[in-house]
Protein backbone atom coordinates (compact mmCIF):
# COMPACT_ATOMS: atom_id res chain seq x y z
CA MET A 1 -90.50 -121.17 74.44
CA PRO A 2 -92.40 -119.24 77.18
CA HIS A 3 -90.24 -118.33 79.95
CA GLU A 4 -92.19 -116.70 82.44
CA TRP A 5 -91.02 -119.07 85.18
CA SER A 6 -87.38 -118.87 84.57
CA ALA A 7 -87.60 -115.10 84.36
CA ARG A 8 -87.85 -114.99 88.02
CA PHE A 9 -84.75 -116.40 88.82
CA PRO A 10 -81.46 -114.72 88.50
CA SER A 11 -79.42 -117.70 87.03
CA THR A 12 -81.89 -118.03 84.03
CA ARG A 13 -83.40 -114.48 83.69
CA GLY A 14 -82.67 -113.06 80.17
CA LEU A 15 -81.58 -116.42 78.49
CA VAL A 16 -83.03 -117.44 75.22
CA LEU A 17 -84.69 -120.52 75.82
CA GLY A 18 -85.79 -123.21 73.22
CA CYS A 19 -87.30 -126.75 73.17
CA LEU A 20 -88.23 -129.57 70.63
CA LEU A 21 -91.99 -130.21 71.37
CA LEU A 22 -92.64 -133.88 70.58
CA THR A 23 -96.17 -134.59 70.14
CA ASN A 24 -95.70 -138.30 69.05
CA PRO A 25 -92.92 -140.38 70.51
CA ASP A 26 -92.99 -142.80 67.58
CA ALA A 27 -91.82 -140.41 64.96
CA LEU A 28 -88.60 -139.98 67.24
CA THR A 29 -85.81 -142.27 65.96
CA VAL A 30 -83.13 -143.10 68.12
CA VAL A 31 -79.64 -143.46 66.59
CA GLY A 32 -77.07 -145.70 68.46
CA ASP A 33 -77.53 -148.08 70.80
CA ASP A 34 -76.22 -146.10 73.90
CA ALA A 35 -78.26 -142.91 72.93
CA ALA A 36 -79.61 -141.43 76.20
CA SER A 37 -81.00 -138.31 77.33
CA GLN A 38 -82.03 -136.37 80.63
CA ILE A 39 -85.46 -136.11 81.63
CA HIS A 40 -87.36 -133.92 84.19
CA PRO A 41 -90.67 -134.92 85.38
CA TYR A 42 -92.35 -132.48 87.50
CA THR A 43 -95.59 -131.91 89.32
CA ILE A 44 -97.21 -129.71 92.04
CA MET A 45 -97.70 -130.95 95.30
CA SER A 46 -100.61 -130.26 97.71
CA TYR A 47 -100.27 -130.63 101.35
CA THR A 48 -101.30 -129.23 104.72
CA ASP A 49 -98.85 -127.50 107.07
CA GLY A 50 -100.31 -126.58 110.61
CA ALA A 51 -103.48 -124.67 109.41
CA ALA A 52 -101.98 -123.62 106.26
CA GLU A 53 -102.89 -125.45 102.72
CA LEU A 54 -99.53 -125.41 100.65
CA PHE A 55 -98.71 -126.12 97.01
CA ASP A 56 -95.04 -127.22 96.25
CA PHE A 57 -93.11 -127.67 93.19
CA VAL A 58 -91.54 -131.14 93.02
CA TYR A 59 -89.20 -132.21 90.22
CA ALA A 60 -86.29 -134.81 89.52
CA THR A 61 -84.08 -135.66 87.01
CA GLY A 62 -83.51 -139.03 85.28
CA ASN A 63 -81.23 -140.39 82.72
CA THR A 64 -82.57 -142.74 80.45
CA GLY A 65 -79.39 -144.64 79.94
CA ASP A 66 -79.44 -145.70 83.68
CA ASP A 67 -80.93 -148.96 84.14
CA GLY A 68 -84.27 -148.84 86.17
CA TYR A 69 -84.43 -144.95 85.97
CA ARG A 70 -88.07 -144.84 85.49
CA ALA A 71 -88.68 -147.09 88.65
CA LYS A 72 -86.05 -144.79 90.56
CA LEU A 73 -88.28 -141.76 89.72
CA GLU A 74 -91.43 -143.51 90.84
CA ASP A 75 -89.74 -144.65 94.19
CA PHE A 76 -88.42 -140.67 94.67
CA PHE A 77 -92.05 -139.15 94.01
CA ASP A 78 -93.87 -141.72 96.03
CA SER A 79 -91.68 -141.26 98.92
CA TYR A 80 -91.16 -137.52 98.90
CA LYS A 81 -95.18 -136.72 99.04
CA ASN A 82 -94.92 -138.63 102.49
CA ARG A 83 -91.80 -137.37 104.11
CA ARG A 84 -91.97 -135.42 107.30
CA GLY A 85 -95.44 -136.90 107.59
CA ARG A 86 -97.04 -134.31 105.25
CA ARG A 87 -99.13 -136.97 103.34
CA GLY A 88 -99.16 -134.95 100.09
CA ARG A 89 -100.95 -135.62 96.84
CA TYR A 90 -99.87 -134.69 93.47
CA LEU A 91 -102.00 -132.34 91.44
CA ILE A 92 -100.53 -133.03 87.99
CA ALA A 93 -99.10 -136.00 86.10
CA GLY A 94 -95.58 -135.89 84.79
CA ASP A 95 -96.16 -138.27 82.01
CA MET A 96 -99.55 -138.06 80.47
CA SER A 97 -99.15 -141.24 78.23
CA GLU A 98 -97.76 -143.29 80.89
CA PRO A 99 -98.13 -141.77 84.32
CA MET A 100 -95.49 -142.06 86.79
CA TRP A 101 -97.68 -141.40 90.07
CA THR A 102 -101.18 -141.13 90.65
CA ALA A 103 -102.29 -137.26 89.96
CA ASP A 104 -105.67 -135.55 90.13
CA TYR A 105 -105.26 -133.61 86.79
CA ALA A 106 -103.26 -134.26 83.58
CA ARG A 107 -102.15 -130.71 83.12
CA PRO A 108 -101.70 -127.43 85.24
CA GLU A 109 -104.45 -125.87 82.80
CA ASP A 110 -106.80 -128.68 83.95
CA LEU A 111 -105.94 -128.03 87.76
CA LYS A 112 -106.50 -124.29 87.28
CA ARG A 113 -109.92 -124.71 85.57
CA ALA A 114 -110.93 -127.36 88.23
CA GLU A 115 -110.06 -125.60 91.71
CA PRO A 116 -110.72 -121.82 91.70
CA GLU A 117 -108.34 -121.46 94.58
CA ALA A 118 -105.24 -123.00 92.67
CA SER A 119 -104.19 -119.85 91.09
CA SER A 120 -103.83 -117.77 94.22
CA HIS A 121 -101.80 -120.79 95.67
CA LEU A 122 -99.54 -121.12 92.70
CA GLU A 123 -98.91 -117.13 92.86
CA LEU A 124 -98.15 -117.69 96.58
CA LEU A 125 -95.90 -120.55 95.66
CA GLU A 126 -93.83 -118.22 93.26
CA ARG A 127 -93.50 -115.76 96.19
CA ARG A 128 -92.36 -118.49 98.61
CA VAL A 129 -89.65 -119.46 95.96
CA ARG A 130 -88.66 -115.60 95.89
CA SER A 131 -88.49 -115.42 99.69
CA ARG A 132 -86.47 -118.31 99.96
CA LEU A 133 -84.18 -117.13 97.70
CA ASP A 134 -83.94 -113.76 99.51
CA GLY A 135 -83.55 -115.84 102.96
CA ASN A 136 -86.74 -114.62 104.35
CA ASP A 137 -89.49 -117.10 105.03
CA MET A 138 -92.17 -114.28 106.10
CA GLU A 139 -94.67 -115.67 103.44
CA ALA A 140 -94.83 -119.15 104.83
CA ARG A 141 -95.29 -117.65 108.39
CA LEU A 142 -97.67 -115.05 107.71
CA LEU A 143 -99.76 -117.61 105.75
CA GLN A 144 -99.80 -119.96 108.74
CA ALA A 145 -100.83 -117.01 110.98
CA LEU A 146 -103.82 -115.89 108.71
CA CYS A 147 -104.86 -119.47 108.33
CA THR A 148 -105.57 -119.63 112.17
CA VAL A 149 -108.05 -116.63 112.46
CA PRO A 150 -111.70 -117.99 113.10
CA ASP A 151 -113.41 -117.05 109.93
CA ILE A 152 -113.02 -114.84 106.57
CA ASN A 153 -114.65 -111.99 108.35
CA TYR A 154 -111.61 -111.48 110.35
CA LEU A 155 -109.24 -111.56 107.12
CA ARG A 156 -112.02 -108.87 105.71
CA ARG A 157 -111.02 -106.89 108.54
CA ILE A 158 -107.34 -107.32 108.18
CA SER A 159 -107.37 -106.48 104.67
CA ALA A 160 -109.35 -103.20 105.22
CA HIS A 161 -107.04 -102.38 108.00
CA VAL A 162 -103.93 -102.18 105.54
CA GLY A 163 -105.90 -100.49 102.82
CA ILE A 164 -106.91 -103.50 100.51
CA GLU A 165 -110.42 -103.60 99.38
CA PRO A 166 -111.73 -106.97 100.37
CA SER A 167 -114.33 -107.03 97.55
CA ALA A 168 -111.49 -107.44 95.28
CA TRP A 169 -110.30 -110.83 96.63
CA VAL A 170 -112.91 -112.39 98.50
CA LYS A 171 -114.95 -114.87 96.41
CA GLU A 172 -118.20 -116.76 97.70
CA GLY A 173 -117.65 -120.07 99.12
CA THR A 174 -114.14 -119.67 99.61
CA THR A 175 -112.33 -121.34 102.63
CA VAL A 176 -110.01 -119.40 105.05
CA ALA A 177 -107.04 -121.13 103.94
CA GLY A 178 -107.78 -120.30 100.30
CA ALA A 179 -108.87 -116.67 101.27
CA ALA A 180 -105.54 -116.15 103.15
CA ALA A 181 -103.72 -117.41 100.16
CA GLU A 182 -105.40 -115.02 98.12
CA LEU A 183 -104.91 -112.09 100.43
CA LEU A 184 -101.26 -112.66 100.48
CA THR A 185 -101.05 -112.60 96.74
CA ARG A 186 -102.26 -109.16 97.03
CA ILE A 187 -100.00 -107.53 99.48
CA ASP A 188 -96.89 -105.45 99.14
CA ARG A 189 -94.34 -106.53 101.56
CA GLU A 190 -93.17 -102.92 102.41
CA GLN A 191 -96.69 -101.20 102.06
CA HIS A 192 -98.81 -103.95 104.01
CA LEU A 193 -96.83 -106.17 105.86
CA PRO A 194 -96.27 -103.87 108.76
CA GLY A 195 -100.10 -103.21 109.11
CA ILE A 196 -101.14 -106.84 108.86
CA LEU A 197 -98.64 -108.00 111.44
CA GLU A 198 -99.85 -105.05 113.68
CA ALA A 199 -103.62 -106.23 113.19
CA LEU A 200 -102.57 -109.93 114.02
CA ALA A 201 -100.83 -108.81 117.13
CA ILE A 202 -103.38 -106.82 118.47
CA GLU A 203 -106.62 -109.39 117.85
CA PHE A 204 -104.62 -112.55 117.51
CA PRO A 205 -101.07 -112.55 119.10
CA GLU A 206 -101.04 -116.28 119.60
CA THR A 207 -100.69 -116.54 115.81
CA LEU A 208 -97.57 -114.99 115.77
CA ARG A 209 -95.48 -117.07 118.25
CA GLY A 210 -92.77 -119.09 117.11
CA PRO A 211 -92.73 -123.02 117.17
C-alpha cells in the first residue's frame, strides 16, 4: 500500500501498511449479525482565511455498528465546513457510490487535473501540517502576508530577491493566492525565509502585523 502521506508522521513512519481493496461491495459476505467495522471518510476542504485560499484535510471515524452512524457522519461534515464562518466547500467525495456530502470531484486525481493550482495548495497543506507538529505556524502567517501584495509582479520580485527564479513557478493566468502558494512550496525555511521576511518588511510592513 502506498504510504507517502503516512511516512511524513513520526507515529506511522516506517510501518508496513496494507489494506483490502474492495471493488465490489456485493462480493462481501458479512458473518454474524453484529459484525461491524470502522470507516474513516475524508475529504479536502477549500476555504478562504483573510486574503489566503487554503486547503484542509478533514476526516472522521464512524462505527457501522452504531445506529445512524452514517447520518452522524453527514451531520459532522455538514457543520464542519461552516464553523468559524469559513463557508468551506468540499472538493472530493468520501463515498463515490453513495456520497455523504456535495463535492466537486470524485477523486483527488480529478481535482489535480481540473484545478492547476491544486497541487501547490496540497503541497502547502503538507507543510502546514508539519509546521503545526513543530509548534510553528509560520507557513500560514507567511501565506496570509504574500496573498495581500498587490499583484504577482511583487511576488516575482520577492522570489528573485531570495534567489528563486520566478520563471520556475509563475504560470500564466495564476491568481495571487495560487502564486503565493506555489512560491511557498519552493522555499527552504532556513535558506529563503529570512530574505522573504526582509523583503516584505521593507515594501509591505503592514502584511506582517499580527491580528
